[in-house]
PDB file of N, CA and C in Angstrom:
ATOM      1  N   MET A   1     -67.142  18.119 -39.471  1.00  0.00           N
ATOM      2  CA  MET A   1     -67.595  16.752 -39.666  1.00  0.00           C
ATOM      3  C   MET A   1     -68.749  16.465 -38.715  1.00  0.00           C
ATOM      4  N   ALA A   2     -69.608  15.578 -39.140  1.00  0.00           N
ATOM      5  CA  ALA A   2     -70.776  15.207 -38.348  1.00  0.00           C
ATOM      6  C   ALA A   2     -70.512  13.905 -37.591  1.00  0.00           C
ATOM      7  N   LYS A   3     -71.294  13.696 -36.549  1.00  0.00           N
ATOM      8  CA  LYS A   3     -71.225  12.451 -35.784  1.00  0.00           C
ATOM      9  C   LYS A   3     -72.323  11.528 -36.321  1.00  0.00           C
ATOM     10  N   PHE A   4     -71.933  10.296 -36.661  1.00  0.00           N
ATOM     11  CA  PHE A   4     -72.886   9.319 -37.182  1.00  0.00           C
ATOM     12  C   PHE A   4     -72.945   8.107 -36.264  1.00  0.00           C
ATOM     13  N   TYR A   5     -74.162   7.625 -36.033  1.00  0.00           N
ATOM     14  CA  TYR A   5     -74.400   6.389 -35.296  1.00  0.00           C
ATOM     15  C   TYR A   5     -74.552   5.293 -36.344  1.00  0.00           C
ATOM     16  N   VAL A   6     -73.655   4.327 -36.304  1.00  0.00           N
ATOM     17  CA  VAL A   6     -73.580   3.301 -37.340  1.00  0.00           C
ATOM     18  C   VAL A   6     -73.867   1.948 -36.713  1.00  0.00           C
ATOM     19  N   GLN A   7     -74.762   1.186 -37.343  1.00  0.00           N
ATOM     20  CA  GLN A   7     -75.033  -0.157 -36.844  1.00  0.00           C
ATOM     21  C   GLN A   7     -75.408  -1.099 -37.980  1.00  0.00           C
ATOM     22  N   SER A   8     -74.905  -2.312 -37.851  1.00  0.00           N
ATOM     23  CA  SER A   8     -75.192  -3.374 -38.807  1.00  0.00           C
ATOM     24  C   SER A   8     -74.624  -4.652 -38.231  1.00  0.00           C
ATOM     25  N   GLY A   9     -75.424  -5.684 -38.153  1.00  0.00           N
ATOM     26  CA  GLY A   9     -74.933  -6.942 -37.579  1.00  0.00           C
ATOM     27  C   GLY A   9     -74.413  -6.699 -36.177  1.00  0.00           C
ATOM     28  N   SER A  10     -73.173  -7.103 -35.927  1.00  0.00           N
ATOM     29  CA  SER A  10     -72.570  -6.919 -34.603  1.00  0.00           C
ATOM     30  C   SER A  10     -71.794  -5.609 -34.474  1.00  0.00           C
ATOM     31  N   VAL A  11     -71.796  -4.801 -35.534  1.00  0.00           N
ATOM     32  CA  VAL A  11     -71.104  -3.514 -35.492  1.00  0.00           C
ATOM     33  C   VAL A  11     -72.077  -2.451 -34.989  1.00  0.00           C
ATOM     34  N   ARG A  12     -71.633  -1.725 -34.011  1.00  0.00           N
ATOM     35  CA  ARG A  12     -72.427  -0.625 -33.451  1.00  0.00           C
ATOM     36  C   ARG A  12     -71.434   0.390 -32.918  1.00  0.00           C
ATOM     37  N   GLY A  13     -71.341   1.545 -33.566  1.00  0.00           N
ATOM     38  CA  GLY A  13     -70.363   2.524 -33.147  1.00  0.00           C
ATOM     39  C   GLY A  13     -70.731   3.926 -33.567  1.00  0.00           C
ATOM     40  N   ILE A  14     -69.997   4.863 -33.034  1.00  0.00           N
ATOM     41  CA  ILE A  14     -70.185   6.272 -33.345  1.00  0.00           C
ATOM     42  C   ILE A  14     -68.898   6.756 -34.000  1.00  0.00           C
ATOM     43  N   VAL A  15     -69.053   7.450 -35.118  1.00  0.00           N
ATOM     44  CA  VAL A  15     -67.877   7.886 -35.862  1.00  0.00           C
ATOM     45  C   VAL A  15     -68.103   9.296 -36.403  1.00  0.00           C
ATOM     46  N   ASP A  16     -67.043  10.092 -36.420  1.00  0.00           N
ATOM     47  CA  ASP A  16     -67.079  11.409 -37.047  1.00  0.00           C
ATOM     48  C   ASP A  16     -66.657  11.248 -38.496  1.00  0.00           C
ATOM     49  N   CYS A  17     -67.530  11.618 -39.424  1.00  0.00           N
ATOM     50  CA  CYS A  17     -67.249  11.489 -40.853  1.00  0.00           C
ATOM     51  C   CYS A  17     -67.840  12.669 -41.607  1.00  0.00           C
ATOM     52  N   TYR A  18     -67.442  12.782 -42.867  1.00  0.00           N
ATOM     53  CA  TYR A  18     -67.965  13.838 -43.727  1.00  0.00           C
ATOM     54  C   TYR A  18     -69.410  13.588 -44.126  1.00  0.00           C
ATOM     55  N   ASP A  19     -69.759  12.318 -44.351  1.00  0.00           N
ATOM     56  CA  ASP A  19     -71.126  11.995 -44.745  1.00  0.00           C
ATOM     57  C   ASP A  19     -71.445  10.549 -44.377  1.00  0.00           C
ATOM     58  N   SER A  20     -72.670  10.142 -44.649  1.00  0.00           N
ATOM     59  CA  SER A  20     -73.117   8.803 -44.265  1.00  0.00           C
ATOM     60  C   SER A  20     -72.403   7.703 -45.050  1.00  0.00           C
ATOM     61  N   GLU A  21     -72.038   7.973 -46.290  1.00  0.00           N
ATOM     62  CA  GLU A  21     -71.305   6.970 -47.067  1.00  0.00           C
ATOM     63  C   GLU A  21     -69.946   6.691 -46.445  1.00  0.00           C
ATOM     64  N   CYS A  22     -69.272   7.738 -45.982  1.00  0.00           N
ATOM     65  CA  CYS A  22     -67.987   7.543 -45.294  1.00  0.00           C
ATOM     66  C   CYS A  22     -68.182   6.721 -44.019  1.00  0.00           C
ATOM     67  N   ALA A  23     -69.280   6.963 -43.324  1.00  0.00           N
ATOM     68  CA  ALA A  23     -69.568   6.200 -42.104  1.00  0.00           C
ATOM     69  C   ALA A  23     -69.786   4.728 -42.432  1.00  0.00           C
ATOM     70  N   ALA A  24     -70.438   4.442 -43.554  1.00  0.00           N
ATOM     71  CA  ALA A  24     -70.644   3.054 -43.971  1.00  0.00           C
ATOM     72  C   ALA A  24     -69.312   2.395 -44.323  1.00  0.00           C
ATOM     73  N   VAL A  25     -68.444   3.124 -44.998  1.00  0.00           N
ATOM     74  CA  VAL A  25     -67.122   2.595 -45.343  1.00  0.00           C
ATOM     75  C   VAL A  25     -66.315   2.338 -44.070  1.00  0.00           C
ATOM     76  N   TRP A  26     -66.487   3.195 -43.062  1.00  0.00           N
ATOM     77  CA  TRP A  26     -65.828   2.973 -41.763  1.00  0.00           C
ATOM     78  C   TRP A  26     -66.246   1.625 -41.184  1.00  0.00           C
ATOM     79  N   ALA A  27     -67.535   1.298 -41.257  1.00  0.00           N
ATOM     80  CA  ALA A  27     -68.027   0.018 -40.729  1.00  0.00           C
ATOM     81  C   ALA A  27     -67.401  -1.151 -41.478  1.00  0.00           C
ATOM     82  N   VAL A  28     -67.336  -1.042 -42.802  1.00  0.00           N
ATOM     83  CA  VAL A  28     -66.707  -2.100 -43.600  1.00  0.00           C
ATOM     84  C   VAL A  28     -65.236  -2.225 -43.223  1.00  0.00           C
ATOM     85  N   ASN A  29     -64.558  -1.099 -43.068  1.00  0.00           N
ATOM     86  CA  ASN A  29     -63.143  -1.136 -42.715  1.00  0.00           C
ATOM     87  C   ASN A  29     -62.934  -1.815 -41.364  1.00  0.00           C
ATOM     88  N   LEU A  30     -63.797  -1.549 -40.409  1.00  0.00           N
ATOM     89  CA  LEU A  30     -63.702  -2.174 -39.095  1.00  0.00           C
ATOM     90  C   LEU A  30     -63.749  -3.699 -39.217  1.00  0.00           C
ATOM     91  N   VAL A  31     -64.659  -4.187 -40.045  1.00  0.00           N
ATOM     92  CA  VAL A  31     -64.784  -5.626 -40.257  1.00  0.00           C
ATOM     93  C   VAL A  31     -63.577  -6.174 -41.012  1.00  0.00           C
ATOM     94  N   MET A  32     -63.127  -5.455 -42.034  1.00  0.00           N
ATOM     95  CA  MET A  32     -62.021  -5.939 -42.844  1.00  0.00           C
ATOM     96  C   MET A  32     -60.699  -5.925 -42.076  1.00  0.00           C
ATOM     97  N   LEU A  33     -60.537  -5.014 -41.134  1.00  0.00           N
ATOM     98  CA  LEU A  33     -59.330  -5.007 -40.309  1.00  0.00           C
ATOM     99  C   LEU A  33     -59.210  -6.300 -39.511  1.00  0.00           C
ATOM    100  N   GLN A  34     -60.327  -6.824 -39.027  1.00  0.00           N
ATOM    101  CA  GLN A  34     -60.258  -8.075 -38.270  1.00  0.00           C
ATOM    102  C   GLN A  34     -59.910  -9.245 -39.187  1.00  0.00           C
ATOM    103  N   VAL A  35     -60.328  -9.158 -40.447  1.00  0.00           N
ATOM    104  CA  VAL A  35     -59.986 -10.203 -41.409  1.00  0.00           C
ATOM    105  C   VAL A  35     -58.477 -10.220 -41.635  1.00  0.00           C
ATOM    106  N   ASP A  36     -57.885  -9.022 -41.690  1.00  0.00           N
ATOM    107  CA  ASP A  36     -56.440  -8.906 -41.869  1.00  0.00           C
ATOM    108  C   ASP A  36     -55.676  -9.183 -40.584  1.00  0.00           C
ATOM    109  N   GLY A  37     -56.401  -9.384 -39.478  1.00  0.00           N
ATOM    110  CA  GLY A  37     -55.749  -9.643 -38.206  1.00  0.00           C
ATOM    111  C   GLY A  37     -55.172  -8.399 -37.567  1.00  0.00           C
ATOM    112  N   LYS A  38     -55.658  -7.213 -37.987  1.00  0.00           N
ATOM    113  CA  LYS A  38     -55.111  -5.962 -37.487  1.00  0.00           C
ATOM    114  C   LYS A  38     -56.127  -5.169 -36.686  1.00  0.00           C
ATOM    115  N   ALA A  39     -57.249  -5.760 -36.362  1.00  0.00           N
ATOM    116  CA  ALA A  39     -58.303  -5.004 -35.684  1.00  0.00           C
ATOM    117  C   ALA A  39     -57.867  -4.574 -34.299  1.00  0.00           C
ATOM    118  N   GLU A  40     -58.153  -3.353 -34.001  1.00  0.00           N
ATOM    119  CA  GLU A  40     -57.930  -2.825 -32.662  1.00  0.00           C
ATOM    120  C   GLU A  40     -59.268  -2.335 -32.152  1.00  0.00           C
ATOM    121  N   VAL A  41     -59.459  -2.396 -30.886  1.00  0.00           N
ATOM    122  CA  VAL A  41     -60.701  -1.902 -30.311  1.00  0.00           C
ATOM    123  C   VAL A  41     -60.686  -0.386 -30.415  1.00  0.00           C
ATOM    124  N   CYS A  42     -61.626   0.154 -31.161  1.00  0.00           N
ATOM    125  CA  CYS A  42     -61.688   1.601 -31.294  1.00  0.00           C
ATOM    126  C   CYS A  42     -62.531   2.176 -30.163  1.00  0.00           C
ATOM    127  N   GLU A  43     -62.326   3.446 -29.888  1.00  0.00           N
ATOM    128  CA  GLU A  43     -62.985   4.089 -28.761  1.00  0.00           C
ATOM    129  C   GLU A  43     -64.496   4.077 -28.884  1.00  0.00           C
ATOM    130  N   SER A  44     -65.015   4.081 -30.116  1.00  0.00           N
ATOM    131  CA  SER A  44     -66.458   4.222 -30.286  1.00  0.00           C
ATOM    132  C   SER A  44     -67.219   2.904 -30.180  1.00  0.00           C
ATOM    133  N   VAL A  45     -66.533   1.795 -30.021  1.00  0.00           N
ATOM    134  CA  VAL A  45     -67.201   0.503 -29.933  1.00  0.00           C
ATOM    135  C   VAL A  45     -66.983  -0.060 -28.535  1.00  0.00           C
ATOM    136  N   CYS A  46     -68.048  -0.427 -27.913  1.00  0.00           N
ATOM    137  CA  CYS A  46     -67.995  -0.921 -26.537  1.00  0.00           C
ATOM    138  C   CYS A  46     -67.237  -2.248 -26.465  1.00  0.00           C
ATOM    139  N   GLU A  47     -66.255  -2.333 -25.569  1.00  0.00           N
ATOM    140  CA  GLU A  47     -65.462  -3.554 -25.430  1.00  0.00           C
ATOM    141  C   GLU A  47     -66.333  -4.744 -25.043  1.00  0.00           C
ATOM    142  N   GLN A  48     -67.380  -4.516 -24.262  1.00  0.00           N
ATOM    143  CA  GLN A  48     -68.258  -5.614 -23.868  1.00  0.00           C
ATOM    144  C   GLN A  48     -68.981  -6.196 -25.073  1.00  0.00           C
ATOM    145  N   GLU A  49     -69.408  -5.325 -26.002  1.00  0.00           N
ATOM    146  CA  GLU A  49     -70.058  -5.814 -27.215  1.00  0.00           C
ATOM    147  C   GLU A  49     -69.108  -6.703 -28.004  1.00  0.00           C
ATOM    148  N   ILE A  50     -67.845  -6.315 -28.080  1.00  0.00           N
ATOM    149  CA  ILE A  50     -66.857  -7.113 -28.802  1.00  0.00           C
ATOM    150  C   ILE A  50     -66.683  -8.467 -28.126  1.00  0.00           C
ATOM    151  N   ALA A  51     -66.610  -8.461 -26.821  1.00  0.00           N
ATOM    152  CA  ALA A  51     -66.452  -9.714 -26.077  1.00  0.00           C
ATOM    153  C   ALA A  51     -67.664 -10.611 -26.282  1.00  0.00           C
ATOM    154  N   ASP A  52     -68.853 -10.007 -26.357  1.00  0.00           N
ATOM    155  CA  ASP A  52     -70.083 -10.791 -26.511  1.00  0.00           C
ATOM    156  C   ASP A  52     -70.157 -11.479 -27.868  1.00  0.00           C
ATOM    157  N   VAL A  53     -69.731 -10.812 -28.940  1.00  0.00           N
ATOM    158  CA  VAL A  53     -69.881 -11.378 -30.274  1.00  0.00           C
ATOM    159  C   VAL A  53     -68.607 -12.020 -30.794  1.00  0.00           C
ATOM    160  N   GLY A  54     -67.469 -11.687 -30.230  1.00  0.00           N
ATOM    161  CA  GLY A  54     -66.215 -12.286 -30.665  1.00  0.00           C
ATOM    162  C   GLY A  54     -65.625 -11.611 -31.882  1.00  0.00           C
ATOM    163  N   MET A  55     -66.389 -11.512 -32.951  1.00  0.00           N
ATOM    164  CA  MET A  55     -65.917 -10.856 -34.165  1.00  0.00           C
ATOM    165  C   MET A  55     -67.034  -9.989 -34.716  1.00  0.00           C
ATOM    166  N   PHE A  56     -66.648  -9.004 -35.508  1.00  0.00           N
ATOM    167  CA  PHE A  56     -67.636  -8.146 -36.136  1.00  0.00           C
ATOM    168  C   PHE A  56     -68.192  -8.807 -37.388  1.00  0.00           C
ATOM    169  N   ALA A  57     -69.463  -8.581 -37.646  1.00  0.00           N
ATOM    170  CA  ALA A  57     -70.107  -9.038 -38.870  1.00  0.00           C
ATOM    171  C   ALA A  57     -71.154  -7.997 -39.253  1.00  0.00           C
ATOM    172  N   LEU A  58     -71.397  -7.858 -40.546  1.00  0.00           N
ATOM    173  CA  LEU A  58     -72.368  -6.885 -41.043  1.00  0.00           C
ATOM    174  C   LEU A  58     -73.596  -7.585 -41.602  1.00  0.00           C
ATOM    175  N   ASP A  59     -74.731  -6.884 -41.533  1.00  0.00           N
ATOM    176  CA  ASP A  59     -75.960  -7.334 -42.190  1.00  0.00           C
ATOM    177  C   ASP A  59     -75.923  -6.916 -43.657  1.00  0.00           C
ATOM    178  N   ASP A  60     -77.023  -7.137 -44.354  1.00  0.00           N
ATOM    179  CA  ASP A  60     -77.122  -6.723 -45.753  1.00  0.00           C
ATOM    180  C   ASP A  60     -77.136  -5.211 -45.915  1.00  0.00           C
ATOM    181  N   ALA A  61     -77.538  -4.493 -44.868  1.00  0.00           N
ATOM    182  CA  ALA A  61     -77.574  -3.034 -44.924  1.00  0.00           C
ATOM    183  C   ALA A  61     -76.874  -2.464 -43.694  1.00  0.00           C
ATOM    184  N   ILE A  62     -76.280  -1.293 -43.872  1.00  0.00           N
ATOM    185  CA  ILE A  62     -75.656  -0.560 -42.776  1.00  0.00           C
ATOM    186  C   ILE A  62     -76.583   0.607 -42.476  1.00  0.00           C
ATOM    187  N   ARG A  63     -77.058   0.665 -41.239  1.00  0.00           N
ATOM    188  CA  ARG A  63     -77.997   1.703 -40.834  1.00  0.00           C
ATOM    189  C   ARG A  63     -77.234   2.854 -40.183  1.00  0.00           C
ATOM    190  N   ILE A  64     -77.516   4.061 -40.659  1.00  0.00           N
ATOM    191  CA  ILE A  64     -76.750   5.232 -40.231  1.00  0.00           C
ATOM    192  C   ILE A  64     -77.712   6.364 -39.877  1.00  0.00           C
ATOM    193  N   SER A  65     -77.438   6.993 -38.738  1.00  0.00           N
ATOM    194  CA  SER A  65     -78.254   8.117 -38.301  1.00  0.00           C
ATOM    195  C   SER A  65     -77.368   9.150 -37.621  1.00  0.00           C
ATOM    196  N   GLU A  66     -77.768  10.402 -37.718  1.00  0.00           N
ATOM    197  CA  GLU A  66     -77.085  11.454 -36.969  1.00  0.00           C
ATOM    198  C   GLU A  66     -77.787  11.714 -35.641  1.00  0.00           C
ATOM    199  N   ARG A  67     -78.860  10.967 -35.364  1.00  0.00           N
ATOM    200  CA  ARG A  67     -79.671  11.229 -34.182  1.00  0.00           C
ATOM    201  C   ARG A  67     -79.574  10.151 -33.108  1.00  0.00           C
ATOM    202  N   GLY A  68     -79.052   8.969 -33.428  1.00  0.00           N
ATOM    203  CA  GLY A  68     -78.932   7.920 -32.425  1.00  0.00           C
ATOM    204  C   GLY A  68     -79.098   6.534 -33.023  1.00  0.00           C
ATOM    205  N   PHE A  69     -78.943   5.526 -32.170  1.00  0.00           N
ATOM    206  CA  PHE A  69     -79.091   4.134 -32.586  1.00  0.00           C
ATOM    207  C   PHE A  69     -80.567   3.732 -32.630  1.00  0.00           C
ATOM    208  N   ASP A  70     -80.840   2.671 -33.386  1.00  0.00           N
ATOM    209  CA  ASP A  70     -82.160   2.032 -33.427  1.00  0.00           C
ATOM    210  C   ASP A  70     -83.283   2.993 -33.825  1.00  0.00           C
ATOM    211  N   ARG A  71     -82.996   3.867 -34.776  1.00  0.00           N
ATOM    212  CA  ARG A  71     -84.000   4.834 -35.223  1.00  0.00           C
ATOM    213  C   ARG A  71     -84.681   4.339 -36.489  1.00  0.00           C
ATOM    214  N   ASN A  72     -85.990   4.579 -36.558  1.00  0.00           N
ATOM    215  CA  ASN A  72     -86.754   4.193 -37.744  1.00  0.00           C
ATOM    216  C   ASN A  72     -86.454   5.088 -38.935  1.00  0.00           C
ATOM    217  N   ASP A  73     -85.970   6.306 -38.679  1.00  0.00           N
ATOM    218  CA  ASP A  73     -85.702   7.249 -39.759  1.00  0.00           C
ATOM    219  C   ASP A  73     -84.244   7.229 -40.217  1.00  0.00           C
ATOM    220  N   CYS A  74     -83.523   6.154 -39.921  1.00  0.00           N
ATOM    221  CA  CYS A  74     -82.108   6.069 -40.306  1.00  0.00           C
ATOM    222  C   CYS A  74     -81.963   5.863 -41.817  1.00  0.00           C
ATOM    223  N   GLU A  75     -80.802   6.218 -42.316  1.00  0.00           N
ATOM    224  CA  GLU A  75     -80.460   5.951 -43.711  1.00  0.00           C
ATOM    225  C   GLU A  75     -79.893   4.536 -43.778  1.00  0.00           C
ATOM    226  N   GLN A  76     -80.245   3.808 -44.812  1.00  0.00           N
ATOM    227  CA  GLN A  76     -79.710   2.470 -44.984  1.00  0.00           C
ATOM    228  C   GLN A  76     -78.866   2.431 -46.249  1.00  0.00           C
ATOM    229  N   ILE A  77     -77.636   1.961 -46.082  1.00  0.00           N
ATOM    230  CA  ILE A  77     -76.711   1.846 -47.208  1.00  0.00           C
ATOM    231  C   ILE A  77     -76.417   0.372 -47.418  1.00  0.00           C
ATOM    232  N   ASP A  78     -76.526  -0.059 -48.654  1.00  0.00           N
ATOM    233  CA  ASP A  78     -76.270  -1.449 -49.005  1.00  0.00           C
ATOM    234  C   ASP A  78     -74.834  -1.821 -48.644  1.00  0.00           C
ATOM    235  N   THR A  79     -74.669  -2.883 -47.879  1.00  0.00           N
ATOM    236  CA  THR A  79     -73.339  -3.288 -47.424  1.00  0.00           C
ATOM    237  C   THR A  79     -72.428  -3.622 -48.605  1.00  0.00           C
ATOM    238  N   HIS A  80     -72.969  -4.251 -49.625  1.00  0.00           N
ATOM    239  CA  HIS A  80     -72.161  -4.596 -50.796  1.00  0.00           C
ATOM    240  C   HIS A  80     -71.611  -3.340 -51.468  1.00  0.00           C
ATOM    241  N   MET A  81     -72.431  -2.301 -51.573  1.00  0.00           N
ATOM    242  CA  MET A  81     -71.968  -1.053 -52.188  1.00  0.00           C
ATOM    243  C   MET A  81     -70.899  -0.385 -51.320  1.00  0.00           C
ATOM    244  N   ALA A  82     -71.063  -0.431 -50.005  1.00  0.00           N
ATOM    245  CA  ALA A  82     -70.058   0.142 -49.099  1.00  0.00           C
ATOM    246  C   ALA A  82     -68.753  -0.639 -49.216  1.00  0.00           C
ATOM    247  N   PHE A  83     -68.853  -1.970 -49.379  1.00  0.00           N
ATOM    248  CA  PHE A  83     -67.650  -2.782 -49.551  1.00  0.00           C
ATOM    249  C   PHE A  83     -66.927  -2.414 -50.847  1.00  0.00           C
ATOM    250  N   ILE A  84     -67.684  -2.193 -51.912  1.00  0.00           N
ATOM    251  CA  ILE A  84     -67.070  -1.795 -53.185  1.00  0.00           C
ATOM    252  C   ILE A  84     -66.323  -0.472 -53.021  1.00  0.00           C
ATOM    253  N   GLN A  85     -66.934   0.491 -52.333  1.00  0.00           N
ATOM    254  CA  GLN A  85     -66.262   1.776 -52.100  1.00  0.00           C
ATOM    255  C   GLN A  85     -65.004   1.576 -51.265  1.00  0.00           C
ATOM    256  N   TRP A  86     -65.093   0.737 -50.235  1.00  0.00           N
ATOM    257  CA  TRP A  86     -63.925   0.455 -49.384  1.00  0.00           C
ATOM    258  C   TRP A  86     -62.808  -0.162 -50.227  1.00  0.00           C
ATOM    259  N   HIS A  87     -63.160  -1.116 -51.078  1.00  0.00           N
ATOM    260  CA  HIS A  87     -62.166  -1.807 -51.900  1.00  0.00           C
ATOM    261  C   HIS A  87     -61.496  -0.844 -52.876  1.00  0.00           C
ATOM    262  N   GLN A  88     -62.271   0.035 -53.497  1.00  0.00           N
ATOM    263  CA  GLN A  88     -61.702   1.019 -54.416  1.00  0.00           C
ATOM    264  C   GLN A  88     -60.758   1.960 -53.675  1.00  0.00           C
ATOM    265  N   LEU A  89     -61.135   2.373 -52.483  1.00  0.00           N
ATOM    266  CA  LEU A  89     -60.283   3.234 -51.678  1.00  0.00           C
ATOM    267  C   LEU A  89     -58.979   2.527 -51.311  1.00  0.00           C
ATOM    268  N   LYS A  90     -59.083   1.266 -50.921  1.00  0.00           N
ATOM    269  CA  LYS A  90     -57.886   0.496 -50.560  1.00  0.00           C
ATOM    270  C   LYS A  90     -56.946   0.368 -51.757  1.00  0.00           C
ATOM    271  N   LYS A  91     -57.496   0.079 -52.926  1.00  0.00           N
ATOM    272  CA  LYS A  91     -56.673  -0.040 -54.142  1.00  0.00           C
ATOM    273  C   LYS A  91     -55.996   1.284 -54.484  1.00  0.00           C
ATOM    274  N   ALA A  92     -56.706   2.396 -54.348  1.00  0.00           N
ATOM    275  CA  ALA A  92     -56.128   3.705 -54.640  1.00  0.00           C
ATOM    276  C   ALA A  92     -54.984   4.015 -53.674  1.00  0.00           C
ATOM    277  N   ILE A  93     -55.171   3.703 -52.409  1.00  0.00           N
ATOM    278  CA  ILE A  93     -54.111   3.936 -51.423  1.00  0.00           C
ATOM    279  C   ILE A  93     -52.892   3.071 -51.728  1.00  0.00           C
ATOM    280  N   GLN A  94     -53.116   1.819 -52.105  1.00  0.00           N
ATOM    281  CA  GLN A  94     -52.004   0.935 -52.457  1.00  0.00           C
ATOM    282  C   GLN A  94     -51.246   1.459 -53.670  1.00  0.00           C
ATOM    283  N   ALA A  95     -51.961   1.979 -54.661  1.00  0.00           N
ATOM    284  CA  ALA A  95     -51.315   2.514 -55.862  1.00  0.00           C
ATOM    285  C   ALA A  95     -50.484   3.758 -55.510  1.00  0.00           C
ATOM    286  N   LEU A  96     -51.026   4.630 -54.678  1.00  0.00           N
ATOM    287  CA  LEU A  96     -50.272   5.812 -54.256  1.00  0.00           C
ATOM    288  C   LEU A  96     -49.034   5.417 -53.457  1.00  0.00           C
ATOM    289  N   HIS A  97     -49.187   4.428 -52.604  1.00  0.00           N
ATOM    290  CA  HIS A  97     -48.054   3.940 -51.808  1.00  0.00           C
ATOM    291  C   HIS A  97     -46.955   3.395 -52.716  1.00  0.00           C
ATOM    292  N   GLN A  98     -47.344   2.638 -53.733  1.00  0.00           N
ATOM    293  CA  GLN A  98     -46.368   2.078 -54.661  1.00  0.00           C
ATOM    294  C   GLN A  98     -45.670   3.171 -55.463  1.00  0.00           C
ATOM    295  N   GLN A  99     -46.423   4.178 -55.891  1.00  0.00           N
ATOM    296  CA  GLN A  99     -45.818   5.293 -56.634  1.00  0.00           C
ATOM    297  C   GLN A  99     -44.801   6.030 -55.769  1.00  0.00           C
ATOM    298  N   LEU A 100     -45.159   6.273 -54.519  1.00  0.00           N
ATOM    299  CA  LEU A 100     -44.234   6.943 -53.608  1.00  0.00           C
ATOM    300  C   LEU A 100     -42.995   6.089 -53.379  1.00  0.00           C
ATOM    301  N   LYS A 101     -43.180   4.807 -53.202  1.00  0.00           N
ATOM    302  CA  LYS A 101     -42.051   3.892 -52.992  1.00  0.00           C
ATOM    303  C   LYS A 101     -41.133   3.897 -54.215  1.00  0.00           C
ATOM    304  N   ASP A 102     -41.715   3.862 -55.413  1.00  0.00           N
ATOM    305  CA  ASP A 102     -40.917   3.870 -56.643  1.00  0.00           C
ATOM    306  C   ASP A 102     -40.111   5.166 -56.766  1.00  0.00           C
ATOM    307  N   LYS A 103     -40.734   6.293 -56.418  1.00  0.00           N
ATOM    308  CA  LYS A 103     -40.022   7.580 -56.486  1.00  0.00           C
ATOM    309  C   LYS A 103     -38.897   7.633 -55.473  1.00  0.00           C
ATOM    310  N   LEU A 104     -39.134   7.114 -54.283  1.00  0.00           N
ATOM    311  CA  LEU A 104     -38.086   7.100 -53.269  1.00  0.00           C
ATOM    312  C   LEU A 104     -36.935   6.175 -53.670  1.00  0.00           C
ATOM    313  N   ASP A 105     -37.263   5.060 -54.322  1.00  0.00           N
ATOM    314  CA  ASP A 105     -36.225   4.143 -54.804  1.00  0.00           C
ATOM    315  C   ASP A 105     -35.370   4.801 -55.881  1.00  0.00           C
ATOM    316  N   ASP A 106     -36.006   5.641 -56.723  1.00  0.00           N
ATOM    317  CA  ASP A 106     -35.253   6.345 -57.775  1.00  0.00           C
ATOM    318  C   ASP A 106     -34.291   7.364 -57.184  1.00  0.00           C
ATOM    319  N   VAL A 107     -34.666   7.958 -56.065  1.00  0.00           N
ATOM    320  CA  VAL A 107     -33.821   8.974 -55.416  1.00  0.00           C
ATOM    321  C   VAL A 107     -32.616   8.317 -54.767  1.00  0.00           C
ATOM    322  N   VAL A 108     -32.790   7.166 -54.197  1.00  0.00           N
ATOM    323  CA  VAL A 108     -31.703   6.481 -53.455  1.00  0.00           C
ATOM    324  C   VAL A 108     -30.805   5.754 -54.359  1.00  0.00           C
TER     325      VAL A 108
END
């Protein structure tokens, strides 16, 4: 896995992912966890930055680079598209969880 520098709005972190799209989904997940009230400070995000902004927020684009922050040659992924991917992933996980629960209920 590669190391990606991810930044958008108040989110700025480093994450190991398979590709830049996964890194963008990670940023969306970080924001959505706080919406669910389950956000935890992850190792890759500076605690001082969190204290300064209070909550995470994203811009219209998520900027991703394998070379560092604030680079002109970064890849930009549309935040809305990353949110759609995050939502589809969440729905798939929920469906798998329900299937497993149903199978376990049948066994008991």
